[in-house]
Amino acid sequence: IGELMDDLGNALVADPAPLMLGGGNPSHVPQVQALFRKRMEDILAQPGEFERLIGNYDTPQGSKNFVEALVELFRNEFGWNLGPENVALTNGSQNSFFYLFNLFAGRFGDSRRKKILLPLAPEYIGYSEVGLEKDFFWANRPEISRLDDHMFKYQVDFESLEITDEVGAICFSRPTNPTGNVVTDEEVDRLRELAKSQGVPLIIDNAYGTPFPNIIYEDVRPVWDENTIVCMSLSKLGLPSLRTGIVIAQEEIIRIVSRMTSVFSLAPGGVGPGLALDLVSSGEITRISREVIR
């Protein structure tokens, strides 16, 4: 992932600009950028607002107003039974997964070791260097369904999926980067049941998923419960340089993530939440994701 990010940054200052055939920055969608520009203009026009935005730390949990707006959005849109104590902000999704993976996997005491189970591969390459120890992941080979028109789909092979005492958490991205594969609602439900029965959390990487940025071409149902951790981001919405990650989890996990943030970076950045606050408070963020970004 380090080489990939070096390439992304260097490509923007290269002359002539290279043709990006691999990874790239999120698209600059004019309609979305216009909304963020207008929001920044409104902030600049309000006495003291800009100064507070750039000059004050938030709590390690993140912007209180933004967290509360997210809670209302998820309650109203999906009926999730959660409160502000179930949401924390981080400095981007990669930051979120560094915290979560090393919280649930690695060495415990002198002899016990835990791993992150990826229920189907291929998966996001950015996970590979997140662990602080070697032999950190355990990936399950997928079942491949042959479709018409020379197409195929990766599916979870539940017959071969084994959750042993070595598993500290289960994680999958939805949709997966870079294949675009989407774990179905039925597969998600089965994984939730398996995780709960084995007493391990299920982590869903929703960086590209629904309800925002909704870069997904299947109608799927967002889910959350006390045994599920949902990770989201503002990057693919159009704010990658502002590094804003969102973790939705049970209260104890949110407390731990917030404490980790305080140690690593004191607090999450506040500019991303500040620019996106109105979109979340009004619910406009879901419409834009559905009708413009998608």
C-alpha atoms as a PDB file:
ATOM      1  CA  ILE A   1       0.000   0.000   0.000  1.00  0.00           C
ATOM      2  CA  GLY A   2       2.966   2.318   0.587  1.00  0.00           C
ATOM      3  CA  GLU A   3       4.122   1.931  -3.025  1.00  0.00           C
ATOM      4  CA  LEU A   4       0.581   2.498  -4.292  1.00  0.00           C
ATOM      5  CA  MET A   5       0.192   5.748  -2.360  1.00  0.00           C
ATOM      6  CA  ASP A   6       3.630   6.952  -3.503  1.00  0.00           C
ATOM      7  CA  ASP A   7       2.530   6.355  -7.093  1.00  0.00           C
ATOM      8  CA  LEU A   8      -0.743   8.231  -6.587  1.00  0.00           C
ATOM      9  CA  GLY A   9       0.960  11.267  -5.108  1.00  0.00           C
ATOM     10  CA  ASN A  10       3.850  11.379  -7.581  1.00  0.00           C
ATOM     11  CA  ALA A  11       1.537  11.012 -10.579  1.00  0.00           C
ATOM     12  CA  LEU A  12      -0.190  14.287  -9.757  1.00  0.00           C
ATOM     13  CA  VAL A  13       3.042  16.289 -10.101  1.00  0.00           C
ATOM     14  CA  ALA A  14       4.548  14.376 -13.039  1.00  0.00           C
ATOM     15  CA  ASP A  15       5.012  16.126 -16.393  1.00  0.00           C
ATOM     16  CA  PRO A  16       3.683  14.816 -18.654  1.00  0.00           C
ATOM     17  CA  ALA A  17       0.971  13.243 -16.538  1.00  0.00           C
ATOM     18  CA  PRO A  18       0.951   9.440 -16.763  1.00  0.00           C
ATOM     19  CA  LEU A  19      -2.043   7.415 -17.861  1.00  0.00           C
ATOM     20  CA  MET A  20      -3.429   5.875 -14.664  1.00  0.00           C
ATOM     21  CA  LEU A  21      -4.171   2.242 -15.505  1.00  0.00           C
ATOM     22  CA  GLY A  22      -4.243   1.060 -11.898  1.00  0.00           C
ATOM     23  CA  GLY A  23      -5.184   2.892  -8.723  1.00  0.00           C
ATOM     24  CA  GLY A  24      -6.171   6.538  -8.733  1.00  0.00           C
ATOM     25  CA  ASN A  25      -7.689   9.300  -6.687  1.00  0.00           C
ATOM     26  CA  PRO A  26     -11.478   9.416  -6.254  1.00  0.00           C
ATOM     27  CA  SER A  27     -13.214  11.184  -9.137  1.00  0.00           C
ATOM     28  CA  HIS A  28     -13.618  14.946  -8.952  1.00  0.00           C
ATOM     29  CA  VAL A  29     -17.391  15.085  -9.456  1.00  0.00           C
ATOM     30  CA  PRO A  30     -18.256  18.713 -10.319  1.00  0.00           C
ATOM     31  CA  GLN A  31     -21.703  18.706  -8.672  1.00  0.00           C
ATOM     32  CA  VAL A  32     -20.278  17.314  -5.434  1.00  0.00           C
ATOM     33  CA  GLN A  33     -17.290  19.646  -5.407  1.00  0.00           C
ATOM     34  CA  ALA A  34     -19.665  22.574  -5.914  1.00  0.00           C
ATOM     35  CA  LEU A  35     -21.557  21.549  -2.771  1.00  0.00           C
ATOM     36  CA  PHE A  36     -18.372  21.405  -0.708  1.00  0.00           C
ATOM     37  CA  ARG A  37     -17.223  24.741  -2.141  1.00  0.00           C
ATOM     38  CA  LYS A  38     -20.556  26.295  -1.149  1.00  0.00           C
ATOM     39  CA  ARG A  39     -20.275  24.808   2.337  1.00  0.00           C
ATOM     40  CA  MET A  40     -16.776  26.261   2.744  1.00  0.00           C
ATOM     41  CA  GLU A  41     -18.026  29.664   1.563  1.00  0.00           C
ATOM     42  CA  ASP A  42     -20.796  29.506   4.178  1.00  0.00           C
ATOM     43  CA  ILE A  43     -18.245  28.636   6.871  1.00  0.00           C
ATOM     44  CA  LEU A  44     -16.015  31.540   5.838  1.00  0.00           C
ATOM     45  CA  ALA A  45     -18.978  33.921   5.892  1.00  0.00           C
ATOM     46  CA  GLN A  46     -19.897  33.109   9.505  1.00  0.00           C
ATOM     47  CA  PRO A  47     -17.832  35.053  12.063  1.00  0.00           C
ATOM     48  CA  GLY A  48     -15.620  32.718  14.055  1.00  0.00           C
ATOM     49  CA  GLU A  49     -16.761  29.535  12.287  1.00  0.00           C
ATOM     50  CA  PHE A  50     -13.644  29.060  10.164  1.00  0.00           C
ATOM     51  CA  GLU A  51     -11.403  29.857  13.120  1.00  0.00           C
ATOM     52  CA  ARG A  52     -13.140  27.221  15.258  1.00  0.00           C
ATOM     53  CA  LEU A  53     -12.984  24.670  12.431  1.00  0.00           C
ATOM     54  CA  ILE A  54      -9.220  24.887  11.953  1.00  0.00           C
ATOM     55  CA  GLY A  55      -8.176  26.083  15.410  1.00  0.00           C
ATOM     56  CA  ASN A  56      -9.853  23.725  17.898  1.00  0.00           C
ATOM     57  CA  TYR A  57      -9.334  20.061  18.719  1.00  0.00           C
ATOM     58  CA  ASP A  58     -12.353  17.783  18.768  1.00  0.00           C
ATOM     59  CA  THR A  59     -12.590  15.012  21.358  1.00  0.00           C
ATOM     60  CA  PRO A  60     -10.802  11.742  20.510  1.00  0.00           C
ATOM     61  CA  GLN A  61     -14.221  10.379  19.482  1.00  0.00           C
ATOM     62  CA  GLY A  62     -14.539  13.128  16.875  1.00  0.00           C
ATOM     63  CA  SER A  63     -16.839  16.054  16.140  1.00  0.00           C
ATOM     64  CA  LYS A  64     -19.844  15.829  18.470  1.00  0.00           C
ATOM     65  CA  ASN A  65     -22.178  17.526  15.976  1.00  0.00           C
ATOM     66  CA  PHE A  66     -21.117  15.265  13.124  1.00  0.00           C
ATOM     67  CA  VAL A  67     -21.419  12.102  15.215  1.00  0.00           C
ATOM     68  CA  GLU A  68     -24.939  13.089  16.309  1.00  0.00           C
ATOM     69  CA  ALA A  69     -25.905  13.862  12.705  1.00  0.00           C
ATOM     70  CA  LEU A  70     -24.675  10.427  11.607  1.00  0.00           C
ATOM     71  CA  VAL A  71     -26.674   8.760  14.375  1.00  0.00           C
ATOM     72  CA  GLU A  72     -29.867  10.516  13.280  1.00  0.00           C
ATOM     73  CA  LEU A  73     -29.220   9.594   9.647  1.00  0.00           C
ATOM     74  CA  PHE A  74     -28.745   5.900  10.423  1.00  0.00           C
ATOM     75  CA  ARG A  75     -31.736   5.817  12.751  1.00  0.00           C
ATOM     76  CA  ASN A  76     -34.042   7.512  10.260  1.00  0.00           C
ATOM     77  CA  GLU A  77     -32.828   5.783   7.088  1.00  0.00           C
ATOM     78  CA  PHE A  78     -32.296   2.246   8.385  1.00  0.00           C
ATOM     79  CA  GLY A  79     -33.887   2.033  11.826  1.00  0.00           C
ATOM     80  CA  TRP A  80     -30.577   1.183  13.489  1.00  0.00           C
ATOM     81  CA  ASN A  81     -30.812   1.158  17.271  1.00  0.00           C
ATOM     82  CA  LEU A  82     -27.706   3.171  18.073  1.00  0.00           C
ATOM     83  CA  GLY A  83     -26.639   6.354  19.841  1.00  0.00           C
ATOM     84  CA  PRO A  84     -23.643   8.701  19.806  1.00  0.00           C
ATOM     85  CA  GLU A  85     -21.810   6.214  22.019  1.00  0.00           C
ATOM     86  CA  ASN A  86     -21.777   3.813  19.049  1.00  0.00           C
ATOM     87  CA  VAL A  87     -19.917   6.074  16.594  1.00  0.00           C
ATOM     88  CA  ALA A  88     -16.309   7.269  16.464  1.00  0.00           C
ATOM     89  CA  LEU A  89     -14.384   9.181  13.835  1.00  0.00           C
ATOM     90  CA  THR A  90     -10.820   8.373  12.788  1.00  0.00           C
ATOM     91  CA  ASN A  91      -8.242   9.823  10.434  1.00  0.00           C
ATOM     92  CA  GLY A  92      -9.432   7.719   7.502  1.00  0.00           C
ATOM     93  CA  SER A  93     -10.433   4.113   6.861  1.00  0.00           C
ATOM     94  CA  GLN A  94      -6.848   2.847   6.801  1.00  0.00           C
ATOM     95  CA  ASN A  95      -6.474   4.312  10.278  1.00  0.00           C
ATOM     96  CA  SER A  96      -9.694   2.584  11.386  1.00  0.00           C
ATOM     97  CA  PHE A  97      -8.497  -0.811  10.212  1.00  0.00           C
ATOM     98  CA  PHE A  98      -5.091  -0.423  11.819  1.00  0.00           C
ATOM     99  CA  TYR A  99      -6.847   0.112  15.144  1.00  0.00           C
ATOM    100  CA  LEU A 100      -9.446  -2.625  14.742  1.00  0.00           C
ATOM    101  CA  PHE A 101      -7.256  -5.350  13.266  1.00  0.00           C
ATOM    102  CA  ASN A 102      -4.561  -4.942  15.914  1.00  0.00           C
ATOM    103  CA  LEU A 103      -7.223  -4.789  18.614  1.00  0.00           C
ATOM    104  CA  PHE A 104      -8.685  -8.168  17.660  1.00  0.00           C
ATOM    105  CA  ALA A 105      -5.665  -9.996  16.204  1.00  0.00           C
ATOM    106  CA  GLY A 106      -2.016 -10.559  16.979  1.00  0.00           C
ATOM    107  CA  ARG A 107      -0.387 -11.844  20.131  1.00  0.00           C
ATOM    108  CA  PHE A 108      -2.417 -12.153  23.339  1.00  0.00           C
ATOM    109  CA  GLY A 109      -0.253 -12.981  26.349  1.00  0.00           C
ATOM    110  CA  ASP A 110       2.730 -15.298  25.923  1.00  0.00           C
ATOM    111  CA  SER A 111       1.259 -17.936  23.649  1.00  0.00           C
ATOM    112  CA  ARG A 112      -2.194 -17.086  22.296  1.00  0.00           C
ATOM    113  CA  ARG A 113      -2.379 -15.673  18.774  1.00  0.00           C
ATOM    114  CA  LYS A 114      -5.416 -14.461  16.873  1.00  0.00           C
ATOM    115  CA  LYS A 115      -5.938 -13.789  13.161  1.00  0.00           C
ATOM    116  CA  ILE A 116      -8.297 -11.770  10.996  1.00  0.00           C
ATOM    117  CA  LEU A 117     -10.395 -14.105   8.852  1.00  0.00           C
ATOM    118  CA  LEU A 118     -11.164 -12.882   5.331  1.00  0.00           C
ATOM    119  CA  PRO A 119     -14.129 -15.071   4.333  1.00  0.00           C
ATOM    120  CA  LEU A 120     -13.387 -14.782   0.638  1.00  0.00           C
ATOM    121  CA  ALA A 121     -10.479 -13.635  -1.484  1.00  0.00           C
ATOM    122  CA  PRO A 122      -9.357 -11.633  -3.420  1.00  0.00           C
ATOM    123  CA  GLU A 123      -9.585  -8.785  -0.925  1.00  0.00           C
ATOM    124  CA  TYR A 124      -8.364  -5.212  -0.525  1.00  0.00           C
ATOM    125  CA  ILE A 125      -4.569  -5.071  -0.847  1.00  0.00           C
ATOM    126  CA  GLY A 126      -4.434  -2.265   1.726  1.00  0.00           C
ATOM    127  CA  TYR A 127      -5.135  -4.720   4.541  1.00  0.00           C
ATOM    128  CA  SER A 128      -1.898  -6.624   3.933  1.00  0.00           C
ATOM    129  CA  GLU A 129       0.475  -4.319   5.828  1.00  0.00           C
ATOM    130  CA  VAL A 130      -1.867  -3.265   8.638  1.00  0.00           C
ATOM    131  CA  GLY A 131      -0.921  -6.017  11.083  1.00  0.00           C
ATOM    132  CA  LEU A 132       1.909  -5.428  13.543  1.00  0.00           C
ATOM    133  CA  GLU A 133       2.935  -9.085  13.362  1.00  0.00           C
ATOM    134  CA  LYS A 134       3.479 -11.671  10.648  1.00  0.00           C
ATOM    135  CA  ASP A 135       0.947 -14.379   9.823  1.00  0.00           C
ATOM    136  CA  PHE A 136      -1.863 -11.955  10.629  1.00  0.00           C
ATOM    137  CA  PHE A 137      -4.566 -13.002   8.142  1.00  0.00           C
ATOM    138  CA  TRP A 138      -6.356 -16.147   7.176  1.00  0.00           C
ATOM    139  CA  ALA A 139      -8.153 -15.976   3.811  1.00  0.00           C
ATOM    140  CA  ASN A 140     -10.763 -18.416   2.552  1.00  0.00           C
ATOM    141  CA  ARG A 141     -10.768 -19.407  -1.110  1.00  0.00           C
ATOM    142  CA  PRO A 142     -14.031 -18.312  -2.783  1.00  0.00           C
ATOM    143  CA  GLU A 143     -16.575 -20.297  -4.668  1.00  0.00           C
ATOM    144  CA  ILE A 144     -16.757 -19.022  -8.255  1.00  0.00           C
ATOM    145  CA  SER A 145     -20.152 -18.974  -9.936  1.00  0.00           C
ATOM    146  CA  ARG A 146     -20.104 -18.979 -13.737  1.00  0.00           C
ATOM    147  CA  LEU A 147     -22.628 -16.576 -15.226  1.00  0.00           C
ATOM    148  CA  ASP A 148     -23.785 -15.807 -18.753  1.00  0.00           C
ATOM    149  CA  ASP A 149     -21.829 -13.636 -21.222  1.00  0.00           C
ATOM    150  CA  HIS A 150     -18.425 -14.844 -19.969  1.00  0.00           C
ATOM    151  CA  MET A 151     -18.995 -13.387 -16.508  1.00  0.00           C
ATOM    152  CA  PHE A 152     -18.481 -14.869 -13.063  1.00  0.00           C
ATOM    153  CA  LYS A 153     -19.033 -13.954  -9.411  1.00  0.00           C
ATOM    154  CA  TYR A 154     -17.059 -14.636  -6.252  1.00  0.00           C
ATOM    155  CA  GLN A 155     -19.167 -16.104  -3.453  1.00  0.00           C
ATOM    156  CA  VAL A 156     -18.418 -17.163   0.099  1.00  0.00           C
ATOM    157  CA  ASP A 157     -17.720 -20.899   0.206  1.00  0.00           C
ATOM    158  CA  PHE A 158     -19.472 -21.675   3.464  1.00  0.00           C
ATOM    159  CA  GLU A 159     -18.674 -25.387   3.099  1.00  0.00           C
ATOM    160  CA  SER A 160     -14.955 -24.690   3.497  1.00  0.00           C
ATOM    161  CA  LEU A 161     -15.240 -21.668   5.808  1.00  0.00           C
ATOM    162  CA  GLU A 162     -13.836 -22.619   9.197  1.00  0.00           C
ATOM    163  CA  ILE A 163     -13.923 -20.354  12.250  1.00  0.00           C
ATOM    164  CA  THR A 164     -11.474 -21.740  14.779  1.00  0.00           C
ATOM    165  CA  ASP A 165     -10.260 -20.435  18.138  1.00  0.00           C
ATOM    166  CA  GLU A 166      -7.493 -18.639  16.241  1.00  0.00           C
ATOM    167  CA  VAL A 167      -9.965 -16.235  14.628  1.00  0.00           C
ATOM    168  CA  GLY A 168     -10.172 -12.871  16.392  1.00  0.00           C
ATOM    169  CA  ALA A 169     -12.524 -11.181  13.926  1.00  0.00           C
ATOM    170  CA  ILE A 170     -14.067 -11.674  10.489  1.00  0.00           C
ATOM    171  CA  CYS A 171     -13.751  -8.910   7.895  1.00  0.00           C
ATOM    172  CA  PHE A 172     -14.882  -8.300   4.330  1.00  0.00           C
ATOM    173  CA  SER A 173     -15.261  -5.248   2.106  1.00  0.00           C
ATOM    174  CA  ARG A 174     -18.555  -4.510   0.365  1.00  0.00           C
ATOM    175  CA  PRO A 175     -18.012  -3.839  -2.495  1.00  0.00           C
ATOM    176  CA  THR A 176     -14.506  -5.226  -2.720  1.00  0.00           C
ATOM    177  CA  ASN A 177     -11.656  -3.122  -4.020  1.00  0.00           C
ATOM    178  CA  PRO A 178     -10.571  -3.730  -6.763  1.00  0.00           C
ATOM    179  CA  THR A 179     -12.827  -6.532  -8.053  1.00  0.00           C
ATOM    180  CA  GLY A 180     -16.148  -4.786  -7.349  1.00  0.00           C
ATOM    181  CA  ASN A 181     -17.549  -8.050  -5.972  1.00  0.00           C
ATOM    182  CA  VAL A 182     -20.545  -7.524  -3.677  1.00  0.00           C
ATOM    183  CA  VAL A 183     -21.246  -9.946  -0.839  1.00  0.00           C
ATOM    184  CA  THR A 184     -24.991 -10.609  -1.022  1.00  0.00           C
ATOM    185  CA  ASP A 185     -27.522  -9.862   1.715  1.00  0.00           C
ATOM    186  CA  GLU A 186     -27.956 -13.591   2.283  1.00  0.00           C
ATOM    187  CA  GLU A 187     -24.203 -14.118   2.651  1.00  0.00           C
ATOM    188  CA  VAL A 188     -23.976 -11.182   5.061  1.00  0.00           C
ATOM    189  CA  ASP A 189     -26.749 -12.651   7.206  1.00  0.00           C
ATOM    190  CA  ARG A 190     -24.997 -16.027   7.354  1.00  0.00           C
ATOM    191  CA  LEU A 191     -21.679 -14.395   8.254  1.00  0.00           C
ATOM    192  CA  ARG A 192     -23.381 -12.388  11.000  1.00  0.00           C
ATOM    193  CA  GLU A 193     -24.864 -15.559  12.451  1.00  0.00           C
ATOM    194  CA  LEU A 194     -21.535 -17.404  12.277  1.00  0.00           C
ATOM    195  CA  ALA A 195     -19.626 -14.537  13.882  1.00  0.00           C
ATOM    196  CA  LYS A 196     -22.150 -14.212  16.688  1.00  0.00           C
ATOM    197  CA  SER A 197     -22.212 -17.954  17.367  1.00  0.00           C
ATOM    198  CA  GLN A 198     -18.402 -18.011  17.594  1.00  0.00           C
ATOM    199  CA  GLY A 199     -18.220 -14.889  19.766  1.00  0.00           C
ATOM    200  CA  VAL A 200     -16.137 -12.817  17.331  1.00  0.00           C
ATOM    201  CA  PRO A 201     -17.017  -9.473  15.725  1.00  0.00           C
ATOM    202  CA  LEU A 202     -17.907  -9.117  12.053  1.00  0.00           C
ATOM    203  CA  ILE A 203     -16.220  -6.094  10.441  1.00  0.00           C
ATOM    204  CA  ILE A 204     -17.760  -4.679   7.260  1.00  0.00           C
ATOM    205  CA  ASP A 205     -15.587  -2.345   5.196  1.00  0.00           C
ATOM    206  CA  ASN A 206     -18.119   0.005   3.656  1.00  0.00           C
ATOM    207  CA  ALA A 207     -15.694   2.544   2.135  1.00  0.00           C
ATOM    208  CA  TYR A 208     -17.359   2.284  -1.281  1.00  0.00           C
ATOM    209  CA  GLY A 209     -20.738   1.006  -0.149  1.00  0.00           C
ATOM    210  CA  THR A 210     -24.209   2.105   0.769  1.00  0.00           C
ATOM    211  CA  PRO A 211     -25.586   4.563   1.874  1.00  0.00           C
ATOM    212  CA  PHE A 212     -22.574   6.693   0.955  1.00  0.00           C
ATOM    213  CA  PRO A 213     -20.697   6.967  -1.339  1.00  0.00           C
ATOM    214  CA  ASN A 214     -22.873   4.201  -2.830  1.00  0.00           C
ATOM    215  CA  ILE A 215     -20.420   3.242  -5.575  1.00  0.00           C
ATOM    216  CA  ILE A 216     -22.134  -0.090  -5.871  1.00  0.00           C
ATOM    217  CA  TYR A 217     -24.255  -1.617  -8.597  1.00  0.00           C
ATOM    218  CA  GLU A 218     -26.394  -3.931  -6.530  1.00  0.00           C
ATOM    219  CA  ASP A 219     -29.328  -3.026  -4.301  1.00  0.00           C
ATOM    220  CA  VAL A 220     -28.126  -4.234  -0.922  1.00  0.00           C
ATOM    221  CA  ARG A 221     -29.314  -3.750   2.641  1.00  0.00           C
ATOM    222  CA  PRO A 222     -26.996  -1.938   5.082  1.00  0.00           C
ATOM    223  CA  VAL A 223     -26.823  -3.793   8.404  1.00  0.00           C
ATOM    224  CA  TRP A 224     -25.506  -3.132  11.879  1.00  0.00           C
ATOM    225  CA  ASP A 225     -25.892  -4.743  15.298  1.00  0.00           C
ATOM    226  CA  GLU A 226     -23.920  -4.974  18.543  1.00  0.00           C
ATOM    227  CA  ASN A 227     -21.703  -7.740  17.126  1.00  0.00           C
ATOM    228  CA  THR A 228     -21.089  -5.958  13.818  1.00  0.00           C
ATOM    229  CA  ILE A 229     -18.571  -3.183  13.182  1.00  0.00           C
ATOM    230  CA  VAL A 230     -19.282  -1.013  10.147  1.00  0.00           C
ATOM    231  CA  CYS A 231     -16.471   1.169   8.800  1.00  0.00           C
ATOM    232  CA  MET A 232     -17.206   4.059   6.462  1.00  0.00           C
ATOM    233  CA  SER A 233     -15.323   6.968   4.925  1.00  0.00           C
ATOM    234  CA  LEU A 234     -15.736  10.403   3.366  1.00  0.00           C
ATOM    235  CA  SER A 235     -12.872   9.796   0.916  1.00  0.00           C
ATOM    236  CA  LYS A 236     -14.835   8.326  -1.975  1.00  0.00           C
ATOM    237  CA  LEU A 237     -17.466  10.998  -1.446  1.00  0.00           C
ATOM    238  CA  GLY A 238     -14.816  13.440  -2.649  1.00  0.00           C
ATOM    239  CA  LEU A 239     -12.793  14.343   0.463  1.00  0.00           C
ATOM    240  CA  PRO A 240      -9.794  11.954   0.432  1.00  0.00           C
ATOM    241  CA  SER A 241      -7.233  14.537   1.538  1.00  0.00           C
ATOM    242  CA  LEU A 242      -9.251  15.344   4.678  1.00  0.00           C
ATOM    243  CA  ARG A 243      -8.922  11.768   6.010  1.00  0.00           C
ATOM    244  CA  THR A 244     -12.226  11.096   7.726  1.00  0.00           C
ATOM    245  CA  GLY A 245     -13.123   7.558   8.742  1.00  0.00           C
ATOM    246  CA  ILE A 246     -16.259   6.440  10.582  1.00  0.00           C
ATOM    247  CA  VAL A 247     -16.499   3.430  12.912  1.00  0.00           C
ATOM    248  CA  ILE A 248     -19.900   2.162  14.081  1.00  0.00           C
ATOM    249  CA  ALA A 249     -19.681  -0.429  16.847  1.00  0.00           C
ATOM    250  CA  GLN A 250     -20.740  -1.361  20.352  1.00  0.00           C
ATOM    251  CA  GLU A 251     -19.948   1.203  23.030  1.00  0.00           C
ATOM    252  CA  GLU A 252     -16.900  -0.558  24.504  1.00  0.00           C
ATOM    253  CA  ILE A 253     -15.188  -0.785  21.116  1.00  0.00           C
ATOM    254  CA  ILE A 254     -15.902   2.883  20.433  1.00  0.00           C
ATOM    255  CA  ARG A 255     -14.301   3.809  23.764  1.00  0.00           C
ATOM    256  CA  ILE A 256     -11.185   1.809  22.883  1.00  0.00           C
ATOM    257  CA  VAL A 257     -10.946   3.245  19.364  1.00  0.00           C
ATOM    258  CA  SER A 258     -11.278   6.757  20.798  1.00  0.00           C
ATOM    259  CA  ARG A 259      -8.493   6.082  23.305  1.00  0.00           C
ATOM    260  CA  MET A 260      -6.270   4.748  20.535  1.00  0.00           C
ATOM    261  CA  THR A 261      -6.911   7.927  18.556  1.00  0.00           C
ATOM    262  CA  SER A 262      -5.930  10.043  21.555  1.00  0.00           C
ATOM    263  CA  VAL A 263      -2.597   8.202  21.770  1.00  0.00           C
ATOM    264  CA  PHE A 264      -1.793   8.163  18.056  1.00  0.00           C
ATOM    265  CA  SER A 265      -3.059  11.589  16.980  1.00  0.00           C
ATOM    266  CA  LEU A 266      -4.839  13.291  19.931  1.00  0.00           C
ATOM    267  CA  ALA A 267      -8.059  13.725  17.917  1.00  0.00           C
ATOM    268  CA  PRO A 268      -9.476  13.127  14.433  1.00  0.00           C
ATOM    269  CA  GLY A 269      -9.311  15.984  11.958  1.00  0.00           C
ATOM    270  CA  GLY A 270     -12.319  18.289  12.032  1.00  0.00           C
ATOM    271  CA  VAL A 271     -12.378  19.817   8.540  1.00  0.00           C
ATOM    272  CA  GLY A 272     -13.924  16.788   6.815  1.00  0.00           C
ATOM    273  CA  PRO A 273     -16.783  16.508   9.323  1.00  0.00           C
ATOM    274  CA  GLY A 274     -17.225  20.281   9.156  1.00  0.00           C
ATOM    275  CA  LEU A 275     -17.619  20.278   5.375  1.00  0.00           C
ATOM    276  CA  ALA A 276     -19.954  17.264   5.341  1.00  0.00           C
ATOM    277  CA  LEU A 277     -22.094  18.201   8.365  1.00  0.00           C
ATOM    278  CA  ASP A 278     -24.947  19.880   6.482  1.00  0.00           C
ATOM    279  CA  LEU A 279     -25.158  17.054   3.933  1.00  0.00           C
ATOM    280  CA  VAL A 280     -25.509  14.492   6.710  1.00  0.00           C
ATOM    281  CA  SER A 281     -27.865  16.561   8.890  1.00  0.00           C
ATOM    282  CA  SER A 282     -30.257  17.117   5.985  1.00  0.00           C
ATOM    283  CA  GLY A 283     -29.967  13.570   4.648  1.00  0.00           C
ATOM    284  CA  GLU A 284     -28.841  15.055   1.338  1.00  0.00           C
ATOM    285  CA  ILE A 285     -25.745  12.863   1.440  1.00  0.00           C
ATOM    286  CA  THR A 286     -27.772   9.762   0.558  1.00  0.00           C
ATOM    287  CA  ARG A 287     -29.514  11.471  -2.381  1.00  0.00           C
ATOM    288  CA  ILE A 288     -26.235  12.765  -3.793  1.00  0.00           C
ATOM    289  CA  SER A 289     -24.639   9.344  -3.443  1.00  0.00           C
ATOM    290  CA  ARG A 290     -27.588   7.657  -5.115  1.00  0.00           C
ATOM    291  CA  GLU A 291     -28.298  10.146  -7.917  1.00  0.00           C
ATOM    292  CA  VAL A 292     -24.970  11.865  -8.621  1.00  0.00           C
ATOM    293  CA  ILE A 293     -21.955   9.837  -7.479  1.00  0.00           C
ATOM    294  CA  ARG A 294     -23.338   6.449  -8.413  1.00  0.00           C
END
